C-alpha atoms as a PDB file:
ATOM      1  CA  UNK A   1      11.483  11.518 206.152  1.00  0.00           C
ATOM      2  CA  UNK A   2      11.864  13.627 209.313  1.00  0.00           C
ATOM      3  CA  UNK A   3      10.073  16.923 209.624  1.00  0.00           C
ATOM      4  CA  UNK A   4      12.215  19.965 210.171  1.00  0.00           C
ATOM      5  CA  UNK A   5      10.986  22.491 212.708  1.00  0.00           C
ATOM      6  CA  UNK A   6       9.459  25.482 210.993  1.00  0.00           C
ATOM      7  CA  UNK A   7      11.208  28.779 211.549  1.00  0.00           C
ATOM      8  CA  UNK A   8      10.224  32.248 210.542  1.00  0.00           C
ATOM      9  CA  UNK A   9       7.583  34.871 210.951  1.00  0.00           C
ATOM     10  CA  UNK A  10       4.553  33.153 209.449  1.00  0.00           C
ATOM     11  CA  UNK A  11       4.592  29.952 211.549  1.00  0.00           C
ATOM     12  CA  UNK A  12       5.084  32.031 214.710  1.00  0.00           C
ATOM     13  CA  UNK A  13       2.307  34.409 213.681  1.00  0.00           C
ATOM     14  CA  UNK A  14       0.032  31.439 213.059  1.00  0.00           C
ATOM     15  CA  UNK A  15       0.626  30.110 216.554  1.00  0.00           C
ATOM     16  CA  UNK A  16       0.014  33.501 218.162  1.00  0.00           C
ATOM     17  CA  UNK A  17      -3.149  34.117 216.145  1.00  0.00           C
ATOM     18  CA  UNK A  18      -4.371  30.606 216.915  1.00  0.00           C
ATOM     19  CA  UNK A  19      -3.866  31.133 220.635  1.00  0.00           C
ATOM     20  CA  UNK A  20      -5.683  34.459 220.531  1.00  0.00           C
ATOM     21  CA  UNK A  21      -8.579  33.030 218.564  1.00  0.00           C
ATOM     22  CA  UNK A  22      -8.822  30.061 220.925  1.00  0.00           C
ATOM     23  CA  UNK A  23      -8.938  32.328 223.968  1.00  0.00           C
ATOM     24  CA  UNK A  24     -11.542  34.701 222.531  1.00  0.00           C
ATOM     25  CA  UNK A  25     -13.704  31.924 221.091  1.00  0.00           C
ATOM     26  CA  UNK A  26     -13.798  29.977 224.354  1.00  0.00           C
ATOM     27  CA  UNK A  27     -14.660  33.146 226.316  1.00  0.00           C
ATOM     28  CA  UNK A  28     -17.530  33.990 223.954  1.00  0.00           C
ATOM     29  CA  UNK A  29     -18.780  30.418 223.971  1.00  0.00           C
ATOM     30  CA  UNK A  30     -18.780  30.331 227.774  1.00  0.00           C
ATOM     31  CA  UNK A  31     -20.563  33.674 227.935  1.00  0.00           C
ATOM     32  CA  UNK A  32     -23.134  32.544 225.363  1.00  0.00           C
ATOM     33  CA  UNK A  33     -23.851  29.316 227.237  1.00  0.00           C
ATOM     34  CA  UNK A  34     -24.141  31.268 230.486  1.00  0.00           C
ATOM     35  CA  UNK A  35     -26.595  33.737 228.973  1.00  0.00           C
ATOM     36  CA  UNK A  36     -28.580  30.833 227.535  1.00  0.00           C
ATOM     37  CA  UNK A  37     -28.836  29.343 231.015  1.00  0.00           C
ATOM     38  CA  UNK A  38     -29.856  32.745 232.419  1.00  0.00           C
ATOM     39  CA  UNK A  39     -32.934  32.892 230.189  1.00  0.00           C
ATOM     40  CA  UNK A  40     -34.808  30.535 232.498  1.00  0.00           C
ATOM     41  CA  UNK A  41     -33.771  32.122 235.788  1.00  0.00           C
ATOM     42  CA  UNK A  42     -34.564  35.413 237.484  1.00  0.00           C
ATOM     43  CA  UNK A  43     -30.884  36.161 238.202  1.00  0.00           C
ATOM     44  CA  UNK A  44     -28.094  36.780 235.731  1.00  0.00           C
ATOM     45  CA  UNK A  45     -25.438  34.782 237.539  1.00  0.00           C
ATOM     46  CA  UNK A  46     -24.593  32.239 234.855  1.00  0.00           C
ATOM     47  CA  UNK A  47     -23.288  34.740 232.292  1.00  0.00           C
ATOM     48  CA  UNK A  48     -20.254  35.831 234.345  1.00  0.00           C
ATOM     49  CA  UNK A  49     -19.695  32.255 235.511  1.00  0.00           C
ATOM     50  CA  UNK A  50     -19.706  31.095 231.892  1.00  0.00           C
ATOM     51  CA  UNK A  51     -17.315  33.882 230.923  1.00  0.00           C
ATOM     52  CA  UNK A  52     -14.847  32.961 233.681  1.00  0.00           C
ATOM     53  CA  UNK A  53     -15.115  29.271 232.834  1.00  0.00           C
ATOM     54  CA  UNK A  54     -14.538  30.027 229.142  1.00  0.00           C
ATOM     55  CA  UNK A  55     -11.485  32.131 229.949  1.00  0.00           C
ATOM     56  CA  UNK A  56     -10.089  29.343 232.125  1.00  0.00           C
ATOM     57  CA  UNK A  57     -10.560  26.861 229.295  1.00  0.00           C
ATOM     58  CA  UNK A  58      -8.906  29.248 226.831  1.00  0.00           C
ATOM     59  CA  UNK A  59      -5.914  29.860 229.091  1.00  0.00           C
ATOM     60  CA  UNK A  60      -5.561  26.127 229.690  1.00  0.00           C
ATOM     61  CA  UNK A  61      -5.559  25.478 225.950  1.00  0.00           C
ATOM     62  CA  UNK A  62      -2.944  28.188 225.415  1.00  0.00           C
ATOM     63  CA  UNK A  63      -0.803  26.699 228.192  1.00  0.00           C
ATOM     64  CA  UNK A  64      -0.987  23.227 226.623  1.00  0.00           C
ATOM     65  CA  UNK A  65       0.033  24.571 223.196  1.00  0.00           C
ATOM     66  CA  UNK A  66       2.915  26.644 224.581  1.00  0.00           C
ATOM     67  CA  UNK A  67       4.109  23.754 226.732  1.00  0.00           C
ATOM     68  CA  UNK A  68       4.083  21.484 223.694  1.00  0.00           C
ATOM     69  CA  UNK A  69       6.097  23.992 221.675  1.00  0.00           C
ATOM     70  CA  UNK A  70       8.720  24.417 224.376  1.00  0.00           C
ATOM     71  CA  UNK A  71       9.104  20.662 224.876  1.00  0.00           C
ATOM     72  CA  UNK A  72       9.540  20.167 221.143  1.00  0.00           C
ATOM     73  CA  UNK A  73      12.431  22.648 221.040  1.00  0.00           C
ATOM     74  CA  UNK A  74      14.494  20.820 223.673  1.00  0.00           C
END
């Protein structure tokens, strides 16, 4: 039995909310890990580095999901 592509508001809203949650969660996780690494040092350099790294991971994840959705439509 072949799956039909889902159409409508709720599946699209789920994808958008999932992408937003993924981006925010990865940014907070990166910032948390950076602040944890800053506890042992005299500088606070790892917190912004962790935030940027988390944002990059979140954007990469969003790009992979969107790319997969666009390839599935073709």
